[in-house]
Amino acid sequence: RLITQQLLALLITCFVIEILHRLNAIYDVKKSILDRKKEREFETE
């Protein structure tokens, strides 16, 4: 019953998560900030 009930929810979940990935909303924020900081330091140097 659960597998049947949640099938639509699963399809919607997969669809929305892929949209979020395409919009670059899903990423490691801390790593991204540190990477940008290193880039700025490299450019300054």
All heavy atoms as atom14 arrays in JSON, in Angstrom:
{
  "sequence": "RLITQQLLALLITCFVIEILHRLNAIYDVKKSILDRKKEREFETE",
  "atom14_mask": [
    [1, 1, 1, 1, 1, 1, 1, 1, 1, 1, 1, 0, 0, 0],
    [1, 1, 1, 1, 1, 1, 1, 1, 0, 0, 0, 0, 0, 0],
    [1, 1, 1, 1, 1, 1, 1, 1, 0, 0, 0, 0, 0, 0],
    [1, 1, 1, 1, 1, 1, 1, 0, 0, 0, 0, 0, 0, 0],
    [1, 1, 1, 1, 1, 1, 1, 1, 1, 0, 0, 0, 0, 0],
    [1, 1, 1, 1, 1, 1, 1, 1, 1, 0, 0, 0, 0, 0],
    [1, 1, 1, 1, 1, 1, 1, 1, 0, 0, 0, 0, 0, 0],
    [1, 1, 1, 1, 1, 1, 1, 1, 0, 0, 0, 0, 0, 0],
    [1, 1, 1, 1, 1, 0, 0, 0, 0, 0, 0, 0, 0, 0],
    [1, 1, 1, 1, 1, 1, 1, 1, 0, 0, 0, 0, 0, 0],
    [1, 1, 1, 1, 1, 1, 1, 1, 0, 0, 0, 0, 0, 0],
    [1, 1, 1, 1, 1, 1, 1, 1, 0, 0, 0, 0, 0, 0],
    [1, 1, 1, 1, 1, 1, 1, 0, 0, 0, 0, 0, 0, 0],
    [1, 1, 1, 1, 1, 1, 0, 0, 0, 0, 0, 0, 0, 0],
    [1, 1, 1, 1, 1, 1, 1, 1, 1, 1, 1, 0, 0, 0],
    [1, 1, 1, 1, 1, 1, 1, 0, 0, 0, 0, 0, 0, 0],
    [1, 1, 1, 1, 1, 1, 1, 1, 0, 0, 0, 0, 0, 0],
    [1, 1, 1, 1, 1, 1, 1, 1, 1, 0, 0, 0, 0, 0],
    [1, 1, 1, 1, 1, 1, 1, 1, 0, 0, 0, 0, 0, 0],
    [1, 1, 1, 1, 1, 1, 1, 1, 0, 0, 0, 0, 0, 0],
    [1, 1, 1, 1, 1, 1, 1, 1, 1, 1, 0, 0, 0, 0],
    [1, 1, 1, 1, 1, 1, 1, 1, 1, 1, 1, 0, 0, 0],
    [1, 1, 1, 1, 1, 1, 1, 1, 0, 0, 0, 0, 0, 0],
    [1, 1, 1, 1, 1, 1, 1, 1, 0, 0, 0, 0, 0, 0],
    [1, 1, 1, 1, 1, 0, 0, 0, 0, 0, 0, 0, 0, 0],
    [1, 1, 1, 1, 1, 1, 1, 1, 0, 0, 0, 0, 0, 0],
    [1, 1, 1, 1, 1, 1, 1, 1, 1, 1, 1, 1, 0, 0],
    [1, 1, 1, 1, 1, 1, 1, 1, 0, 0, 0, 0, 0, 0],
    [1, 1, 1, 1, 1, 1, 1, 0, 0, 0, 0, 0, 0, 0],
    [1, 1, 1, 1, 1, 1, 1, 1, 1, 0, 0, 0, 0, 0],
    [1, 1, 1, 1, 1, 1, 1, 1, 1, 0, 0, 0, 0, 0],
    [1, 1, 1, 1, 1, 1, 0, 0, 0, 0, 0, 0, 0, 0],
    [1, 1, 1, 1, 1, 1, 1, 1, 0, 0, 0, 0, 0, 0],
    [1, 1, 1, 1, 1, 1, 1, 1, 0, 0, 0, 0, 0, 0],
    [1, 1, 1, 1, 1, 1, 1, 1, 0, 0, 0, 0, 0, 0],
    [1, 1, 1, 1, 1, 1, 1, 1, 1, 1, 1, 0, 0, 0],
    [1, 1, 1, 1, 1, 1, 1, 1, 1, 0, 0, 0, 0, 0],
    [1, 1, 1, 1, 1, 1, 1, 1, 1, 0, 0, 0, 0, 0],
    [1, 1, 1, 1, 1, 1, 1, 1, 1, 0, 0, 0, 0, 0],
    [1, 1, 1, 1, 1, 1, 1, 1, 1, 1, 1, 0, 0, 0],
    [1, 1, 1, 1, 1, 1, 1, 1, 1, 0, 0, 0, 0, 0],
    [1, 1, 1, 1, 1, 1, 1, 1, 1, 1, 1, 0, 0, 0],
    [1, 1, 1, 1, 1, 1, 1, 1, 1, 0, 0, 0, 0, 0],
    [1, 1, 1, 1, 1, 1, 1, 0, 0, 0, 0, 0, 0, 0],
    [1, 1, 1, 1, 1, 1, 1, 1, 1, 0, 0, 0, 0, 0]
  ],
  "atom14_positions": [
    [[0.83, -1.2, 0.0], [0.0, 0.0, 0.0], [0.87, 1.25, 0.0], [0.6, 2.21, -0.72], [-0.92, -0.01, 1.22], [-1.92, 1.16, 1.24], [-2.74, 1.14, 2.51], [-3.51, -0.09, 2.61], [-4.19, -0.43, 3.71], [-4.15, 0.35, 4.78], [-4.89, -1.53, 3.73], [0.0, 0.0, 0.0], [0.0, 0.0, 0.0], [0.0, 0.0, 0.0]],
    [[1.92, 1.24, 0.81], [2.8, 2.4, 0.89], [3.54, 2.64, -0.42], [3.63, 3.77, -0.9], [3.82, 2.19, 2.02], [3.31, 2.45, 3.43], [4.29, 1.92, 4.45], [3.08, 3.93, 3.63], [0.0, 0.0, 0.0], [0.0, 0.0, 0.0], [0.0, 0.0, 0.0], [0.0, 0.0, 0.0], [0.0, 0.0, 0.0], [0.0, 0.0, 0.0]],
    [[4.05, 1.58, -1.01], [4.77, 1.71, -2.28], [3.85, 2.3, -3.34], [4.24, 3.19, -4.12], [5.31, 0.34, -2.75], [6.46, -0.11, -1.87], [5.76, 0.41, -4.2], [7.7, 0.77, -1.96], [0.0, 0.0, 0.0], [0.0, 0.0, 0.0], [0.0, 0.0, 0.0], [0.0, 0.0, 0.0], [0.0, 0.0, 0.0], [0.0, 0.0, 0.0]],
    [[2.62, 1.85, -3.38], [1.65, 2.35, -4.36], [1.28, 3.8, -4.08], [1.25, 4.64, -4.98], [0.37, 1.49, -4.34], [0.72, 0.13, -4.58], [-0.6, 1.95, -5.41], [0.0, 0.0, 0.0], [0.0, 0.0, 0.0], [0.0, 0.0, 0.0], [0.0, 0.0, 0.0], [0.0, 0.0, 0.0], [0.0, 0.0, 0.0], [0.0, 0.0, 0.0]],
    [[1.01, 4.09, -2.8], [0.62, 5.45, -2.41], [1.7, 6.47, -2.72], [1.42, 7.57, -3.21], [0.32, 5.5, -0.9], [-0.96, 4.82, -0.49], [-1.12, 4.85, 1.02], [-1.87, 4.1, 1.57], [-0.43, 5.76, 1.67], [0.0, 0.0, 0.0], [0.0, 0.0, 0.0], [0.0, 0.0, 0.0], [0.0, 0.0, 0.0], [0.0, 0.0, 0.0]],
    [[2.95, 6.1, -2.42], [4.03, 7.07, -2.5], [4.67, 7.16, -3.89], [5.63, 7.92, -4.07], [5.12, 6.71, -1.47], [4.64, 6.7, -0.03], [4.12, 8.06, 0.4], [4.52, 9.1, -0.13], [3.23, 8.08, 1.38], [0.0, 0.0, 0.0], [0.0, 0.0, 0.0], [0.0, 0.0, 0.0], [0.0, 0.0, 0.0], [0.0, 0.0, 0.0]],
    [[4.16, 6.41, -4.85], [4.75, 6.43, -6.19], [4.67, 7.82, -6.8], [5.66, 8.33, -7.34], [4.04, 5.41, -7.09], [4.6, 5.32, -8.53], [6.07, 4.95, -8.5], [3.8, 4.31, -9.34], [0.0, 0.0, 0.0], [0.0, 0.0, 0.0], [0.0, 0.0, 0.0], [0.0, 0.0, 0.0], [0.0, 0.0, 0.0], [0.0, 0.0, 0.0]],
    [[3.51, 8.45, -6.72], [3.35, 9.8, -7.27], [4.25, 10.78, -6.52], [4.88, 11.66, -7.13], [1.89, 10.24, -7.17], [1.58, 11.65, -7.69], [2.0, 11.8, -9.14], [0.09, 11.98, -7.52], [0.0, 0.0, 0.0], [0.0, 0.0, 0.0], [0.0, 0.0, 0.0], [0.0, 0.0, 0.0], [0.0, 0.0, 0.0], [0.0, 0.0, 0.0]],
    [[4.31, 10.63, -5.19], [5.17, 11.51, -4.4], [6.62, 11.35, -4.81], [7.38, 12.33, -4.88], [4.99, 11.19, -2.91], [0.0, 0.0, 0.0], [0.0, 0.0, 0.0], [0.0, 0.0, 0.0], [0.0, 0.0, 0.0], [0.0, 0.0, 0.0], [0.0, 0.0, 0.0], [0.0, 0.0, 0.0], [0.0, 0.0, 0.0], [0.0, 0.0, 0.0]],
    [[7.03, 10.11, -5.08], [8.41, 9.85, -5.5], [8.71, 10.53, -6.83], [9.77, 11.15, -7.0], [8.64, 8.34, -5.61], [9.99, 7.9, -6.19], [11.14, 8.43, -5.34], [10.05, 6.38, -6.27], [0.0, 0.0, 0.0], [0.0, 0.0, 0.0], [0.0, 0.0, 0.0], [0.0, 0.0, 0.0], [0.0, 0.0, 0.0], [0.0, 0.0, 0.0]],
    [[7.79, 10.42, -7.78], [7.99, 11.03, -9.1], [8.09, 12.56, -8.98], [8.95, 13.18, -9.61], [6.84, 10.64, -10.03], [6.75, 9.15, -10.38], [5.51, 8.88, -11.23], [8.01, 8.68, -11.11], [0.0, 0.0, 0.0], [0.0, 0.0, 0.0], [0.0, 0.0, 0.0], [0.0, 0.0, 0.0], [0.0, 0.0, 0.0], [0.0, 0.0, 0.0]],
    [[7.21, 13.15, -8.16], [7.26, 14.6, -7.96], [8.56, 15.01, -7.3], [9.2, 16.01, -7.67], [6.05, 15.07, -7.11], [4.74, 14.81, -7.86], [6.18, 16.54, -6.75], [3.51, 15.12, -7.04], [0.0, 0.0, 0.0], [0.0, 0.0, 0.0], [0.0, 0.0, 0.0], [0.0, 0.0, 0.0], [0.0, 0.0, 0.0], [0.0, 0.0, 0.0]],
    [[8.99, 14.23, -6.3], [10.24, 14.51, -5.59], [11.42, 14.5, -6.54], [12.25, 15.42, -6.53], [10.46, 13.48, -4.47], [9.38, 13.54, -3.54], [11.76, 13.77, -3.73], [0.0, 0.0, 0.0], [0.0, 0.0, 0.0], [0.0, 0.0, 0.0], [0.0, 0.0, 0.0], [0.0, 0.0, 0.0], [0.0, 0.0, 0.0], [0.0, 0.0, 0.0]],
    [[11.52, 13.46, -7.36], [12.63, 13.35, -8.32], [12.63, 14.55, -9.27], [13.68, 15.13, -9.57], [12.52, 12.05, -9.12], [12.83, 10.56, -8.15], [0.0, 0.0, 0.0], [0.0, 0.0, 0.0], [0.0, 0.0, 0.0], [0.0, 0.0, 0.0], [0.0, 0.0, 0.0], [0.0, 0.0, 0.0], [0.0, 0.0, 0.0], [0.0, 0.0, 0.0]],
    [[11.44, 14.93, -9.75], [11.31, 16.02, -10.71], [11.78, 17.34, -10.09], [12.57, 18.09, -10.69], [9.86, 16.13, -11.18], [9.61, 17.24, -12.15], [10.05, 17.16, -13.45], [8.92, 18.39, -11.74], [9.82, 18.19, -14.35], [8.68, 19.42, -12.63], [9.13, 19.33, -13.94], [0.0, 0.0, 0.0], [0.0, 0.0, 0.0], [0.0, 0.0, 0.0]],
    [[11.3, 17.65, -8.88], [11.63, 18.92, -8.22], [13.11, 18.98, -7.87], [13.77, 20.02, -8.06], [10.78, 19.12, -6.96], [11.23, 20.36, -6.2], [9.31, 19.24, -7.32], [0.0, 0.0, 0.0], [0.0, 0.0, 0.0], [0.0, 0.0, 0.0], [0.0, 0.0, 0.0], [0.0, 0.0, 0.0], [0.0, 0.0, 0.0], [0.0, 0.0, 0.0]],
    [[13.66, 17.88, -7.37], [15.07, 17.86, -7.01], [15.96, 18.08, -8.23], [16.97, 18.79, -8.16], [15.43, 16.53, -6.31], [14.89, 16.56, -4.87], [16.94, 16.3, -6.29], [15.15, 15.3, -4.08], [0.0, 0.0, 0.0], [0.0, 0.0, 0.0], [0.0, 0.0, 0.0], [0.0, 0.0, 0.0], [0.0, 0.0, 0.0], [0.0, 0.0, 0.0]],
    [[15.59, 17.5, -9.37], [16.37, 17.72, -10.59], [16.29, 19.18, -11.03], [17.27, 19.73, -11.53], [15.89, 16.79, -11.7], [16.24, 15.34, -11.48], [17.71, 15.12, -11.13], [18.57, 15.76, -11.77], [17.99, 14.33, -10.21], [0.0, 0.0, 0.0], [0.0, 0.0, 0.0], [0.0, 0.0, 0.0], [0.0, 0.0, 0.0], [0.0, 0.0, 0.0]],
    [[15.12, 19.81, -10.85], [14.99, 21.24, -11.18], [15.92, 22.06, -10.3], [16.61, 22.98, -10.76], [13.53, 21.71, -11.02], [12.66, 21.1, -12.12], [13.45, 23.23, -11.05], [11.2, 21.49, -12.01], [0.0, 0.0, 0.0], [0.0, 0.0, 0.0], [0.0, 0.0, 0.0], [0.0, 0.0, 0.0], [0.0, 0.0, 0.0], [0.0, 0.0, 0.0]],
    [[15.96, 21.73, -9.0], [16.83, 22.45, -8.06], [18.3, 22.29, -8.44], [19.09, 23.23, -8.32], [16.59, 21.95, -6.63], [15.24, 22.3, -6.01], [15.09, 21.64, -4.65], [15.09, 23.81, -5.88], [0.0, 0.0, 0.0], [0.0, 0.0, 0.0], [0.0, 0.0, 0.0], [0.0, 0.0, 0.0], [0.0, 0.0, 0.0], [0.0, 0.0, 0.0]],
    [[18.66, 21.09, -8.91], [20.04, 20.88, -9.36], [20.33, 21.72, -10.59], [21.41, 22.31, -10.71], [20.26, 19.39, -9.66], [20.67, 18.58, -8.47], [21.95, 18.59, -7.96], [19.96, 17.74, -7.68], [22.01, 17.79, -6.91], [20.82, 17.26, -6.72], [0.0, 0.0, 0.0], [0.0, 0.0, 0.0], [0.0, 0.0, 0.0], [0.0, 0.0, 0.0]],
    [[19.37, 21.8, -11.53], [19.56, 22.59, -12.74], [19.68, 24.08, -12.41], [20.38, 24.83, -13.12], [18.39, 22.37, -13.71], [18.31, 20.97, -14.29], [19.52, 20.66, -15.14], [19.46, 19.33, -15.72], [18.97, 19.07, -16.92], [18.47, 20.05, -17.66], [18.97, 17.83, -17.38], [0.0, 0.0, 0.0], [0.0, 0.0, 0.0], [0.0, 0.0, 0.0]],
    [[19.0, 24.53, -11.35], [19.06, 25.93, -10.94], [20.27, 26.22, -10.06], [20.42, 27.34, -9.55], [17.78, 26.3, -10.17], [16.48, 26.26, -10.98], [15.28, 26.52, -10.09], [16.51, 27.27, -12.13], [0.0, 0.0, 0.0], [0.0, 0.0, 0.0], [0.0, 0.0, 0.0], [0.0, 0.0, 0.0], [0.0, 0.0, 0.0], [0.0, 0.0, 0.0]],
    [[21.12, 25.19, -9.84], [22.32, 25.32, -8.99], [21.99, 25.74, -7.57], [22.75, 26.49, -6.93], [23.31, 26.33, -9.62], [23.86, 25.85, -10.93], [24.18, 24.67, -11.1], [23.98, 26.75, -11.9], [0.0, 0.0, 0.0], [0.0, 0.0, 0.0], [0.0, 0.0, 0.0], [0.0, 0.0, 0.0], [0.0, 0.0, 0.0], [0.0, 0.0, 0.0]],
    [[20.85, 25.27, -7.06], [20.45, 25.58, -5.68], [21.0, 24.54, -4.72], [21.03, 24.77, -3.51], [18.93, 25.64, -5.57], [0.0, 0.0, 0.0], [0.0, 0.0, 0.0], [0.0, 0.0, 0.0], [0.0, 0.0, 0.0], [0.0, 0.0, 0.0], [0.0, 0.0, 0.0], [0.0, 0.0, 0.0], [0.0, 0.0, 0.0], [0.0, 0.0, 0.0]],
    [[21.43, 23.4, -5.24], [21.92, 22.32, -4.4], [23.43, 22.19, -4.56], [23.92, 21.73, -5.59], [21.22, 20.99, -4.75], [19.72, 21.1, -4.48], [21.81, 19.83, -3.96], [18.92, 19.87, -4.83], [0.0, 0.0, 0.0], [0.0, 0.0, 0.0], [0.0, 0.0, 0.0], [0.0, 0.0, 0.0], [0.0, 0.0, 0.0], [0.0, 0.0, 0.0]],
    [[24.14, 22.63, -3.54], [25.6, 22.56, -3.53], [26.08, 22.75, -2.1], [25.32, 23.18, -1.23], [26.21, 23.62, -4.44], [25.87, 25.04, -4.05], [26.71, 25.77, -3.2], [24.7, 25.65, -4.52], [26.39, 27.07, -2.84], [24.38, 26.94, -4.15], [25.23, 27.65, -3.31], [24.92, 28.93, -2.94], [0.0, 0.0, 0.0], [0.0, 0.0, 0.0]],
    [[27.32, 22.42, -1.86], [27.92, 22.58, -0.53], [28.28, 24.06, -0.36], [29.24, 24.54, -0.97], [29.16, 21.69, -0.4], [29.7, 21.66, 1.01], [29.8, 22.74, 1.63], [30.02, 20.57, 1.5], [0.0, 0.0, 0.0], [0.0, 0.0, 0.0], [0.0, 0.0, 0.0], [0.0, 0.0, 0.0], [0.0, 0.0, 0.0], [0.0, 0.0, 0.0]],
    [[27.52, 24.79, 0.44], [27.7, 26.23, 0.58], [29.06, 26.57, 1.17], [29.76, 27.47, 0.68], [26.58, 26.83, 1.46], [26.81, 28.33, 1.65], [25.23, 26.59, 0.83], [0.0, 0.0, 0.0], [0.0, 0.0, 0.0], [0.0, 0.0, 0.0], [0.0, 0.0, 0.0], [0.0, 0.0, 0.0], [0.0, 0.0, 0.0], [0.0, 0.0, 0.0]],
    [[29.46, 25.87, 2.21], [30.73, 26.16, 2.86], [31.89, 25.96, 1.89], [32.79, 26.82, 1.8], [30.92, 25.25, 4.08], [32.22, 25.51, 4.84], [32.34, 24.6, 6.05], [33.65, 24.87, 6.79], [33.79, 23.99, 8.0], [0.0, 0.0, 0.0], [0.0, 0.0, 0.0], [0.0, 0.0, 0.0], [0.0, 0.0, 0.0], [0.0, 0.0, 0.0]],
    [[31.88, 24.88, 1.16], [32.94, 24.61, 0.18], [32.96, 25.69, -0.9], [34.02, 26.15, -1.31], [32.75, 23.24, -0.46], [33.81, 22.88, -1.49], [33.57, 21.49, -2.04], [34.65, 21.11, -3.05], [34.66, 22.03, -4.23], [0.0, 0.0, 0.0], [0.0, 0.0, 0.0], [0.0, 0.0, 0.0], [0.0, 0.0, 0.0], [0.0, 0.0, 0.0]],
    [[31.77, 26.1, -1.35], [31.68, 27.13, -2.38], [32.27, 28.46, -1.9], [33.0, 29.13, -2.63], [30.22, 27.32, -2.79], [30.09, 28.34, -3.75], [0.0, 0.0, 0.0], [0.0, 0.0, 0.0], [0.0, 0.0, 0.0], [0.0, 0.0, 0.0], [0.0, 0.0, 0.0], [0.0, 0.0, 0.0], [0.0, 0.0, 0.0], [0.0, 0.0, 0.0]],
    [[31.95, 28.84, -0.65], [32.46, 30.09, -0.09], [33.97, 30.04, 0.05], [34.68, 31.0, -0.3], [31.81, 30.37, 1.27], [30.32, 30.69, 1.08], [32.51, 31.52, 1.98], [29.56, 30.88, 2.38], [0.0, 0.0, 0.0], [0.0, 0.0, 0.0], [0.0, 0.0, 0.0], [0.0, 0.0, 0.0], [0.0, 0.0, 0.0], [0.0, 0.0, 0.0]],
    [[34.5, 28.91, 0.54], [35.94, 28.77, 0.69], [36.66, 28.79, -0.66], [37.74, 29.38, -0.79], [36.26, 27.47, 1.43], [35.83, 27.41, 2.91], [36.13, 26.04, 3.5], [36.55, 28.5, 3.71], [0.0, 0.0, 0.0], [0.0, 0.0, 0.0], [0.0, 0.0, 0.0], [0.0, 0.0, 0.0], [0.0, 0.0, 0.0], [0.0, 0.0, 0.0]],
    [[36.04, 28.17, -1.66], [36.64, 28.17, -3.0], [36.71, 29.58, -3.57], [37.71, 29.98, -4.17], [35.84, 27.26, -3.94], [36.04, 25.79, -3.64], [37.0, 25.46, -2.93], [35.22, 24.98, -4.1], [0.0, 0.0, 0.0], [0.0, 0.0, 0.0], [0.0, 0.0, 0.0], [0.0, 0.0, 0.0], [0.0, 0.0, 0.0], [0.0, 0.0, 0.0]],
    [[35.61, 30.35, -3.39], [35.61, 31.74, -3.89], [36.62, 32.59, -3.14], [37.27, 33.47, -3.73], [34.2, 32.34, -3.74], [33.18, 31.76, -4.71], [32.0, 32.71, -4.88], [31.29, 32.88, -3.63], [30.26, 32.14, -3.25], [29.84, 31.14, -4.01], [29.65, 32.35, -2.1], [0.0, 0.0, 0.0], [0.0, 0.0, 0.0], [0.0, 0.0, 0.0]],
    [[36.78, 32.32, -1.84], [37.76, 33.06, -1.04], [39.18, 32.78, -1.55], [39.99, 33.71, -1.67], [37.64, 32.66, 0.43], [38.61, 33.4, 1.34], [38.46, 32.97, 2.79], [39.46, 33.69, 3.67], [39.35, 33.25, 5.09], [0.0, 0.0, 0.0], [0.0, 0.0, 0.0], [0.0, 0.0, 0.0], [0.0, 0.0, 0.0], [0.0, 0.0, 0.0]],
    [[39.47, 31.52, -1.85], [40.8, 31.17, -2.38], [41.04, 31.83, -3.73], [42.16, 32.28, -4.02], [40.92, 29.65, -2.5], [41.0, 28.92, -1.17], [41.12, 27.42, -1.38], [41.19, 26.68, -0.05], [41.28, 25.21, -0.24], [0.0, 0.0, 0.0], [0.0, 0.0, 0.0], [0.0, 0.0, 0.0], [0.0, 0.0, 0.0], [0.0, 0.0, 0.0]],
    [[39.99, 31.89, -4.56], [40.12, 32.53, -5.87], [40.42, 34.01, -5.72], [41.28, 34.56, -6.45], [38.84, 32.33, -6.68], [38.61, 30.9, -7.14], [37.3, 30.74, -7.88], [36.59, 31.76, -8.05], [36.98, 29.61, -8.29], [0.0, 0.0, 0.0], [0.0, 0.0, 0.0], [0.0, 0.0, 0.0], [0.0, 0.0, 0.0], [0.0, 0.0, 0.0]],
    [[39.73, 34.68, -4.78], [39.98, 36.11, -4.57], [41.39, 36.35, -4.05], [42.07, 37.3, -4.46], [38.95, 36.68, -3.59], [37.55, 36.81, -4.15], [36.69, 37.7, -3.27], [36.54, 37.14, -1.95], [35.54, 36.33, -1.59], [34.63, 35.97, -2.48], [35.45, 35.88, -0.36], [0.0, 0.0, 0.0], [0.0, 0.0, 0.0], [0.0, 0.0, 0.0]],
    [[41.84, 35.48, -3.13], [43.2, 35.61, -2.59], [44.24, 35.4, -3.68], [45.26, 36.1, -3.73], [43.41, 34.61, -1.45], [42.58, 34.92, -0.21], [42.73, 33.84, 0.86], [43.28, 32.76, 0.54], [42.28, 34.08, 2.0], [0.0, 0.0, 0.0], [0.0, 0.0, 0.0], [0.0, 0.0, 0.0], [0.0, 0.0, 0.0], [0.0, 0.0, 0.0]],
    [[43.98, 34.44, -4.56], [44.91, 34.18, -5.66], [44.97, 35.36, -6.61], [46.04, 35.78, -7.06], [44.48, 32.92, -6.41], [45.31, 32.62, -7.62], [46.56, 32.01, -7.48], [44.87, 32.97, -8.9], [47.35, 31.75, -8.6], [45.65, 32.72, -10.01], [46.9, 32.1, -9.86], [0.0, 0.0, 0.0], [0.0, 0.0, 0.0], [0.0, 0.0, 0.0]],
    [[43.78, 35.95, -6.93], [43.74, 37.09, -7.82], [44.45, 38.3, -7.21], [45.19, 39.01, -7.9], [42.28, 37.46, -8.13], [41.58, 36.44, -9.01], [40.12, 36.78, -9.21], [39.64, 37.77, -8.59], [39.44, 36.07, -9.98], [0.0, 0.0, 0.0], [0.0, 0.0, 0.0], [0.0, 0.0, 0.0], [0.0, 0.0, 0.0], [0.0, 0.0, 0.0]],
    [[44.23, 38.52, -5.9], [44.89, 39.64, -5.22], [46.4, 39.48, -5.25], [47.15, 40.44, -5.52], [44.41, 39.73, -3.75], [42.99, 39.9, -3.73], [45.08, 40.89, -3.04], [0.0, 0.0, 0.0], [0.0, 0.0, 0.0], [0.0, 0.0, 0.0], [0.0, 0.0, 0.0], [0.0, 0.0, 0.0], [0.0, 0.0, 0.0], [0.0, 0.0, 0.0]],
    [[46.84, 38.26, -4.95], [48.28, 37.98, -4.96], [48.87, 38.14, -6.36], [49.97, 38.68, -6.54], [48.53, 36.56, -4.46], [50.0, 36.21, -4.33], [50.21, 34.81, -3.79], [49.23, 34.2, -3.31], [51.36, 34.32, -3.87], [0.0, 0.0, 0.0], [0.0, 0.0, 0.0], [0.0, 0.0, 0.0], [0.0, 0.0, 0.0], [0.0, 0.0, 0.0]]
  ]
}
